[in-house]
PDB file of N, CA and C in Angstrom:
ATOM      1  N   MET A   1       3.387  -6.106 -18.164  1.00  0.00           N
ATOM      2  CA  MET A   1       3.157  -6.706 -19.894  1.00  0.00           C
ATOM      3  C   MET A   1       2.237  -5.334 -19.787  1.00  0.00           C
ATOM      4  N   LYS A   2       2.980  -4.246 -21.556  1.00  0.00           N
ATOM      5  CA  LYS A   2       2.129  -3.520 -21.994  1.00  0.00           C
ATOM      6  C   LYS A   2       0.505  -3.637 -21.887  1.00  0.00           C
ATOM      7  N   ILE A   3      -0.405  -2.243 -21.317  1.00  0.00           N
ATOM      8  CA  ILE A   3      -2.298  -2.612 -22.129  1.00  0.00           C
ATOM      9  C   ILE A   3      -1.760  -1.222 -22.123  1.00  0.00           C
ATOM     10  N   VAL A   4      -3.766  -1.477 -23.115  1.00  0.00           N
ATOM     11  CA  VAL A   4      -4.452  -0.091 -22.872  1.00  0.00           C
ATOM     12  C   VAL A   4      -5.467  -0.515 -21.678  1.00  0.00           C
ATOM     13  N   CYS A   5      -6.059   1.065 -21.292  1.00  0.00           N
ATOM     14  CA  CYS A   5      -7.076   0.207 -20.393  1.00  0.00           C
ATOM     15  C   CYS A   5      -8.573   1.357 -21.310  1.00  0.00           C
ATOM     16  N   PRO A   6      -9.739   0.723 -21.650  1.00  0.00           N
ATOM     17  CA  PRO A   6     -10.627   0.814 -22.132  1.00  0.00           C
ATOM     18  C   PRO A   6     -11.234   2.281 -20.647  1.00  0.00           C
ATOM     19  N   SER A   7     -11.432   2.072 -20.081  1.00  0.00           N
ATOM     20  CA  SER A   7     -11.733   3.035 -18.467  1.00  0.00           C
ATOM     21  C   SER A   7     -11.200   4.622 -18.184  1.00  0.00           C
ATOM     22  N   CYS A   8     -10.164   4.940 -18.607  1.00  0.00           N
ATOM     23  CA  CYS A   8      -9.100   5.740 -18.148  1.00  0.00           C
ATOM     24  C   CYS A   8      -8.302   6.474 -19.522  1.00  0.00           C
ATOM     25  N   ASN A   9      -8.281   5.337 -20.675  1.00  0.00           N
ATOM     26  CA  ASN A   9      -7.467   5.810 -21.709  1.00  0.00           C
ATOM     27  C   ASN A   9      -5.648   5.236 -21.631  1.00  0.00           C
ATOM     28  N   TYR A  10      -5.488   4.902 -20.525  1.00  0.00           N
ATOM     29  CA  TYR A  10      -4.030   4.565 -19.717  1.00  0.00           C
ATOM     30  C   TYR A  10      -3.044   3.714 -20.776  1.00  0.00           C
ATOM     31  N   VAL A  11      -2.188   4.530 -21.210  1.00  0.00           N
ATOM     32  CA  VAL A  11      -1.009   3.339 -22.025  1.00  0.00           C
ATOM     33  C   VAL A  11      -0.053   2.949 -21.305  1.00  0.00           C
ATOM     34  N   GLY A  12      -0.049   1.743 -21.154  1.00  0.00           N
ATOM     35  CA  GLY A  12       0.981   1.445 -20.087  1.00  0.00           C
ATOM     36  C   GLY A  12       1.733   0.289 -19.606  1.00  0.00           C
ATOM     37  N   GLU A  13       2.318  -0.192 -18.618  1.00  0.00           N
ATOM     38  CA  GLU A  13       2.810  -1.141 -18.331  1.00  0.00           C
ATOM     39  C   GLU A  13       1.869  -1.663 -16.806  1.00  0.00           C
ATOM     40  N   SER A  14       0.397  -2.048 -17.211  1.00  0.00           N
ATOM     41  CA  SER A  14      -0.085  -2.708 -16.244  1.00  0.00           C
ATOM     42  C   SER A  14       0.673  -2.807 -14.607  1.00  0.00           C
ATOM     43  N   ALA A  15      -0.273  -3.238 -13.237  1.00  0.00           N
ATOM     44  CA  ALA A  15      -0.432  -3.609 -12.628  1.00  0.00           C
ATOM     45  C   ALA A  15      -0.220  -4.983 -11.452  1.00  0.00           C
ATOM     46  N   ALA A  16       0.824  -5.346 -10.762  1.00  0.00           N
ATOM     47  CA  ALA A  16      -0.751  -6.852  -9.888  1.00  0.00           C
ATOM     48  C   ALA A  16      -1.347  -5.813  -8.677  1.00  0.00           C
ATOM     49  N   ILE A  17      -2.445  -6.245  -8.667  1.00  0.00           N
ATOM     50  CA  ILE A  17      -3.235  -6.165  -7.938  1.00  0.00           C
ATOM     51  C   ILE A  17      -4.200  -7.120  -7.276  1.00  0.00           C
ATOM     52  N   ALA A  18      -4.988  -6.492  -6.099  1.00  0.00           N
ATOM     53  CA  ALA A  18      -4.248  -7.553  -5.000  1.00  0.00           C
ATOM     54  C   ALA A  18      -6.574  -7.861  -4.930  1.00  0.00           C
ATOM     55  N   LYS A  19      -6.997  -8.815  -5.100  1.00  0.00           N
ATOM     56  CA  LYS A  19      -8.716  -8.844  -4.795  1.00  0.00           C
ATOM     57  C   LYS A  19      -8.647  -8.603  -3.064  1.00  0.00           C
ATOM     58  N   GLY A  20     -10.124  -8.258  -3.068  1.00  0.00           N
ATOM     59  CA  GLY A  20     -10.708  -8.048  -1.975  1.00  0.00           C
ATOM     60  C   GLY A  20     -10.433  -6.595  -1.472  1.00  0.00           C
ATOM     61  N   SER A  21     -10.259  -6.654  -0.120  1.00  0.00           N
ATOM     62  CA  SER A  21     -10.571  -5.583   0.371  1.00  0.00           C
ATOM     63  C   SER A  21      -9.611  -5.427   1.318  1.00  0.00           C
ATOM     64  N   ARG A  22      -9.148  -4.032   1.748  1.00  0.00           N
ATOM     65  CA  ARG A  22      -8.240  -4.609   3.107  1.00  0.00           C
ATOM     66  C   ARG A  22      -8.722  -3.833   4.495  1.00  0.00           C
ATOM     67  N   LYS A  23      -9.713  -2.995   4.580  1.00  0.00           N
ATOM     68  CA  LYS A  23     -10.806  -2.742   5.350  1.00  0.00           C
ATOM     69  C   LYS A  23     -10.864  -4.260   6.480  1.00  0.00           C
ATOM     70  N   LEU A  24     -11.956  -5.132   5.119  1.00  0.00           N
ATOM     71  CA  LEU A  24     -11.974  -7.059   5.703  1.00  0.00           C
ATOM     72  C   LEU A  24     -10.619  -7.272   5.818  1.00  0.00           C
ATOM     73  N   GLU A  25     -10.037  -7.241   5.170  1.00  0.00           N
ATOM     74  CA  GLU A  25      -8.824  -7.410   6.636  1.00  0.00           C
ATOM     75  C   GLU A  25      -8.357  -7.195   7.377  1.00  0.00           C
ATOM     76  N   ILE A  26      -7.949  -5.986   7.905  1.00  0.00           N
ATOM     77  CA  ILE A  26      -8.296  -5.542   9.051  1.00  0.00           C
ATOM     78  C   ILE A  26      -9.112  -6.330   9.839  1.00  0.00           C
ATOM     79  N   THR A  27     -10.168  -6.249   9.690  1.00  0.00           N
ATOM     80  CA  THR A  27     -10.977  -6.198  10.022  1.00  0.00           C
ATOM     81  C   THR A  27     -10.647  -7.543  11.053  1.00  0.00           C
ATOM     82  N   LEU A  28     -10.962  -8.594  10.091  1.00  0.00           N
ATOM     83  CA  LEU A  28     -10.449  -9.481  10.735  1.00  0.00           C
ATOM     84  C   LEU A  28      -9.195 -10.327  11.223  1.00  0.00           C
ATOM     85  N   TRP A  29      -7.888  -9.915  10.863  1.00  0.00           N
ATOM     86  CA  TRP A  29      -6.464  -9.610  12.003  1.00  0.00           C
ATOM     87  C   TRP A  29      -7.223  -9.057  13.635  1.00  0.00           C
ATOM     88  N   CYS A  30      -7.392  -7.621  13.414  1.00  0.00           N
ATOM     89  CA  CYS A  30      -8.541  -7.772  14.478  1.00  0.00           C
ATOM     90  C   CYS A  30      -8.663  -8.274  15.797  1.00  0.00           C
ATOM     91  N   CYS A  31     -10.347  -9.180  15.261  1.00  0.00           N
ATOM     92  CA  CYS A  31     -11.235  -9.227  15.346  1.00  0.00           C
ATOM     93  C   CYS A  31     -11.019 -10.793  15.519  1.00  0.00           C
ATOM     94  N   PHE A  32     -10.666 -11.762  14.521  1.00  0.00           N
ATOM     95  CA  PHE A  32     -10.204 -13.792  14.698  1.00  0.00           C
ATOM     96  C   PHE A  32      -8.820 -13.381  14.386  1.00  0.00           C
ATOM     97  N   ILE A  33      -7.797 -13.575  14.312  1.00  0.00           N
ATOM     98  CA  ILE A  33      -6.376 -14.342  14.007  1.00  0.00           C
ATOM     99  C   ILE A  33      -6.110 -14.614  13.134  1.00  0.00           C
ATOM    100  N   LEU A  34      -6.525 -15.582  12.823  1.00  0.00           N
ATOM    101  CA  LEU A  34      -6.665 -17.622  11.736  1.00  0.00           C
ATOM    102  C   LEU A  34      -7.016 -17.115  11.086  1.00  0.00           C
ATOM    103  N   PRO A  35      -8.503 -16.833  10.241  1.00  0.00           N
ATOM    104  CA  PRO A  35      -9.634 -15.796   9.165  1.00  0.00           C
ATOM    105  C   PRO A  35      -8.518 -14.495   9.079  1.00  0.00           C
ATOM    106  N   GLY A  36      -8.001 -13.800   9.695  1.00  0.00           N
ATOM    107  CA  GLY A  36      -7.005 -12.747   9.101  1.00  0.00           C
ATOM    108  C   GLY A  36      -6.317 -13.442   8.196  1.00  0.00           C
ATOM    109  N   MET A  37      -5.549 -14.429   8.914  1.00  0.00           N
ATOM    110  CA  MET A  37      -4.065 -14.345   8.585  1.00  0.00           C
ATOM    111  C   MET A  37      -4.307 -15.349   7.365  1.00  0.00           C
ATOM    112  N   LEU A  38      -5.225 -15.828   6.787  1.00  0.00           N
ATOM    113  CA  LEU A  38      -5.383 -16.980   6.143  1.00  0.00           C
ATOM    114  C   LEU A  38      -5.720 -16.361   4.940  1.00  0.00           C
ATOM    115  N   TYR A  39      -6.921 -14.468   4.928  1.00  0.00           N
ATOM    116  CA  TYR A  39      -7.460 -13.594   4.106  1.00  0.00           C
ATOM    117  C   TYR A  39      -6.346 -12.972   3.601  1.00  0.00           C
ATOM    118  N   THR A  40      -5.275 -13.099   4.226  1.00  0.00           N
ATOM    119  CA  THR A  40      -4.135 -12.225   4.283  1.00  0.00           C
ATOM    120  C   THR A  40      -2.850 -12.963   2.857  1.00  0.00           C
ATOM    121  N   MET A  41      -3.026 -14.334   3.710  1.00  0.00           N
ATOM    122  CA  MET A  41      -2.058 -15.122   2.457  1.00  0.00           C
ATOM    123  C   MET A  41      -3.000 -15.467   1.512  1.00  0.00           C
ATOM    124  N   TRP A  42      -4.489 -15.266   1.345  1.00  0.00           N
ATOM    125  CA  TRP A  42      -5.214 -15.412  -0.631  1.00  0.00           C
ATOM    126  C   TRP A  42      -4.740 -13.806  -1.565  1.00  0.00           C
ATOM    127  N   ARG A  43      -5.012 -13.403  -0.458  1.00  0.00           N
ATOM    128  CA  ARG A  43      -4.624 -11.693  -1.151  1.00  0.00           C
ATOM    129  C   ARG A  43      -3.124 -11.757  -2.014  1.00  0.00           C
ATOM    130  N   GLN A  44      -2.640 -12.265  -1.145  1.00  0.00           N
ATOM    131  CA  GLN A  44      -0.561 -12.239  -1.836  1.00  0.00           C
ATOM    132  C   GLN A  44       0.164 -13.331  -3.267  1.00  0.00           C
ATOM    133  N   SER A  45      -1.266 -14.037  -2.795  1.00  0.00           N
ATOM    134  CA  SER A  45      -1.541 -15.308  -3.185  1.00  0.00           C
ATOM    135  C   SER A  45      -0.953 -14.809  -4.931  1.00  0.00           C
ATOM    136  N   ARG A  46      -0.457 -15.813  -5.571  1.00  0.00           N
ATOM    137  CA  ARG A  46      -1.413 -15.890  -7.628  1.00  0.00           C
ATOM    138  C   ARG A  46      -2.993 -15.575  -7.738  1.00  0.00           C
ATOM    139  N   ASP A  47      -4.350 -17.424  -7.069  1.00  0.00           N
ATOM    140  CA  ASP A  47      -5.318 -15.791  -7.017  1.00  0.00           C
ATOM    141  C   ASP A  47      -5.237 -15.183  -6.554  1.00  0.00           C
ATOM    142  N   GLY A  48      -5.186 -14.724  -5.236  1.00  0.00           N
ATOM    143  CA  GLY A  48      -5.021 -13.322  -4.936  1.00  0.00           C
ATOM    144  C   GLY A  48      -5.549 -12.180  -5.777  1.00  0.00           C
ATOM    145  N   GLN A  49      -4.471 -12.571  -6.852  1.00  0.00           N
ATOM    146  CA  GLN A  49      -4.055 -10.658  -7.234  1.00  0.00           C
ATOM    147  C   GLN A  49      -4.975 -11.359  -9.045  1.00  0.00           C
ATOM    148  N   TYR A  50      -4.556  -9.222  -9.516  1.00  0.00           N
ATOM    149  CA  TYR A  50      -5.144 -10.056 -10.878  1.00  0.00           C
ATOM    150  C   TYR A  50      -4.232  -8.514 -12.202  1.00  0.00           C
ATOM    151  N   GLN A  51      -3.773  -8.551 -12.934  1.00  0.00           N
ATOM    152  CA  GLN A  51      -2.608  -7.901 -13.495  1.00  0.00           C
ATOM    153  C   GLN A  51      -3.728  -6.653 -14.490  1.00  0.00           C
ATOM    154  N   GLY A  52      -3.747  -6.070 -13.540  1.00  0.00           N
ATOM    155  CA  GLY A  52      -4.797  -4.184 -14.354  1.00  0.00           C
ATOM    156  C   GLY A  52      -3.904  -3.398 -14.515  1.00  0.00           C
ATOM    157  N   CYS A  53      -4.850  -1.974 -15.032  1.00  0.00           N
ATOM    158  CA  CYS A  53      -4.900  -0.860 -14.494  1.00  0.00           C
ATOM    159  C   CYS A  53      -4.846  -0.317 -13.013  1.00  0.00           C
ATOM    160  N   PRO A  54      -3.030   0.309 -13.589  1.00  0.00           N
ATOM    161  CA  PRO A  54      -2.012   0.771 -12.541  1.00  0.00           C
ATOM    162  C   PRO A  54      -3.163   2.823 -11.911  1.00  0.00           C
ATOM    163  N   GLN A  55      -3.685   3.284 -12.984  1.00  0.00           N
ATOM    164  CA  GLN A  55      -4.438   4.884 -11.907  1.00  0.00           C
ATOM    165  C   GLN A  55      -6.083   3.747 -11.866  1.00  0.00           C
ATOM    166  N   CYS A  56      -7.154   3.771 -12.464  1.00  0.00           N
ATOM    167  CA  CYS A  56      -8.448   3.201 -12.559  1.00  0.00           C
ATOM    168  C   CYS A  56      -8.612   1.890 -11.756  1.00  0.00           C
ATOM    169  N   ARG A  57      -7.677   0.845 -11.629  1.00  0.00           N
ATOM    170  CA  ARG A  57      -7.409  -0.519 -11.104  1.00  0.00           C
ATOM    171  C   ARG A  57      -9.008  -1.045 -12.017  1.00  0.00           C
ATOM    172  N   GLU A  58      -8.799  -1.368 -13.380  1.00  0.00           N
ATOM    173  CA  GLU A  58     -10.119  -2.370 -13.823  1.00  0.00           C
ATOM    174  C   GLU A  58      -8.798  -3.401 -13.974  1.00  0.00           C
ATOM    175  N   GLY A  59     -10.052  -4.137 -14.607  1.00  0.00           N
ATOM    176  CA  GLY A  59      -9.302  -5.607 -14.754  1.00  0.00           C
ATOM    177  C   GLY A  59      -9.801  -5.624 -15.933  1.00  0.00           C
ATOM    178  N   LYS A  60     -10.447  -5.306 -16.611  1.00  0.00           N
ATOM    179  CA  LYS A  60     -10.346  -5.791 -18.238  1.00  0.00           C
ATOM    180  C   LYS A  60      -9.611  -4.743 -18.886  1.00  0.00           C
ATOM    181  N   VAL A  61      -8.491  -4.877 -19.345  1.00  0.00           N
ATOM    182  CA  VAL A  61      -7.319  -3.985 -19.947  1.00  0.00           C
ATOM    183  C   VAL A  61      -7.373  -4.755 -21.615  1.00  0.00           C
ATOM    184  N   ARG A  62      -7.381  -4.134 -22.642  1.00  0.00           N
ATOM    185  CA  ARG A  62      -5.931  -4.861 -23.497  1.00  0.00           C
ATOM    186  C   ARG A  62      -4.812  -4.622 -23.912  1.00  0.00           C
ATOM    187  N   LEU A  63      -4.265  -5.759 -24.266  1.00  0.00           N
ATOM    188  CA  LEU A  63      -2.992  -6.448 -23.833  1.00  0.00           C
ATOM    189  C   LEU A  63      -2.214  -5.329 -25.396  1.00  0.00           C
ATOM    190  N   ILE A  64      -2.143  -4.830 -25.190  1.00  0.00           N
ATOM    191  CA  ILE A  64      -0.610  -4.358 -26.472  1.00  0.00           C
ATOM    192  C   ILE A  64       0.007  -5.296 -27.480  1.00  0.00           C
ATOM    193  N   SER A  65       0.870  -5.211 -29.076  1.00  0.00           N
ATOM    194  CA  SER A  65       1.203  -5.924 -28.885  1.00  0.00           C
ATOM    195  C   SER A  65       2.430  -4.915 -29.549  1.00  0.00           C
ATOM    196  N   ARG A  66       3.867  -5.310 -29.480  1.00  0.00           N
ATOM    197  CA  ARG A  66       5.085  -4.549 -29.462  1.00  0.00           C
ATOM    198  C   ARG A  66       4.543  -3.582 -31.109  1.00  0.00           C
ATOM    199  N   LYS A  67       4.081  -4.730 -31.997  1.00  0.00           N
ATOM    200  CA  LYS A  67       4.042  -3.711 -32.965  1.00  0.00           C
ATOM    201  C   LYS A  67       3.551  -2.255 -32.815  1.00  0.00           C
ATOM    202  N   ASP A  68       2.322  -2.396 -31.981  1.00  0.00           N
ATOM    203  CA  ASP A  68       1.262  -1.380 -31.505  1.00  0.00           C
ATOM    204  C   ASP A  68       2.078  -0.271 -30.123  1.00  0.00           C
ATOM    205  N   TRP A  69       2.673  -1.258 -29.938  1.00  0.00           N
ATOM    206  CA  TRP A  69       3.728  -0.182 -28.607  1.00  0.00           C
ATOM    207  C   TRP A  69       4.418   0.842 -29.243  1.00  0.00           C
ATOM    208  N   LYS A  70       5.479  -0.251 -30.453  1.00  0.00           N
ATOM    209  CA  LYS A  70       5.983   1.214 -30.965  1.00  0.00           C
ATOM    210  C   LYS A  70       4.958   2.616 -31.556  1.00  0.00           C
ATOM    211  N   THR A  71       3.967   2.050 -31.961  1.00  0.00           N
ATOM    212  CA  THR A  71       3.035   2.988 -32.499  1.00  0.00           C
ATOM    213  C   THR A  71       2.945   4.229 -31.607  1.00  0.00           C
ATOM    214  N   TYR A  72       2.416   4.204 -30.555  1.00  0.00           N
ATOM    215  CA  TYR A  72       2.308   4.604 -29.282  1.00  0.00           C
ATOM    216  C   TYR A  72       3.680   5.592 -28.776  1.00  0.00           C
ATOM    217  N   GLU A  73       5.059   4.917 -29.786  1.00  0.00           N
ATOM    218  CA  GLU A  73       6.298   5.412 -28.420  1.00  0.00           C
ATOM    219  C   GLU A  73       6.686   6.729 -29.546  1.00  0.00           C
ATOM    220  N   ARG A  74       6.285   6.737 -31.258  1.00  0.00           N
ATOM    221  CA  ARG A  74       6.452   7.606 -32.302  1.00  0.00           C
ATOM    222  C   ARG A  74       4.934   8.444 -31.787  1.00  0.00           C
ATOM    223  N   SER A  75       3.747   8.268 -31.133  1.00  0.00           N
ATOM    224  CA  SER A  75       3.729   9.330 -31.600  1.00  0.00           C
ATOM    225  C   SER A  75       3.789  10.149 -30.111  1.00  0.00           C
ATOM    226  N   GLY A  76       5.005   9.548 -29.338  1.00  0.00           N
ATOM    227  CA  GLY A  76       4.378  10.645 -27.986  1.00  0.00           C
ATOM    228  C   GLY A  76       2.952  10.434 -27.090  1.00  0.00           C
ATOM    229  N   LYS A  77       2.387   8.726 -26.892  1.00  0.00           N
ATOM    230  CA  LYS A  77       1.319   8.988 -26.135  1.00  0.00           C
ATOM    231  C   LYS A  77       1.318   8.333 -25.584  1.00  0.00           C
ATOM    232  N   LEU A  78       2.439   8.190 -24.679  1.00  0.00           N
ATOM    233  CA  LEU A  78       2.573   7.156 -23.356  1.00  0.00           C
ATOM    234  C   LEU A  78       2.601   8.098 -22.611  1.00  0.00           C
ATOM    235  N   PRO A  79       3.160   7.280 -21.891  1.00  0.00           N
ATOM    236  CA  PRO A  79       2.248   8.405 -20.184  1.00  0.00           C
ATOM    237  C   PRO A  79       4.037   8.289 -19.434  1.00  0.00           C
ATOM    238  N   THR A  80       3.219   9.747 -18.888  1.00  0.00           N
ATOM    239  CA  THR A  80       5.007  10.623 -18.488  1.00  0.00           C
ATOM    240  C   THR A  80       5.078   9.475 -17.063  1.00  0.00           C
ATOM    241  N   ILE A  81       6.030   9.201 -16.132  1.00  0.00           N
ATOM    242  CA  ILE A  81       7.319   8.804 -15.207  1.00  0.00           C
ATOM    243  C   ILE A  81       7.193   9.931 -13.904  1.00  0.00           C
TER     244      ILE A  81
END
């Protein structure tokens, strides 16, 4: 889905970003096997992820309509890959 990020002004494709903390996940795996496994499963599920900005990880982004996307393409404001 095409987005505009209000924080960093990124224009482009959104990314699936996992909720939670990687450090907590590793700690749970090292100390407690079952909670670590459950936490990892939650982070990889649909409920544990959100669509957001790939640069700043902001979750409150604005979706772009097809018409607006064409305007960004013509003006040359699209991010380079």
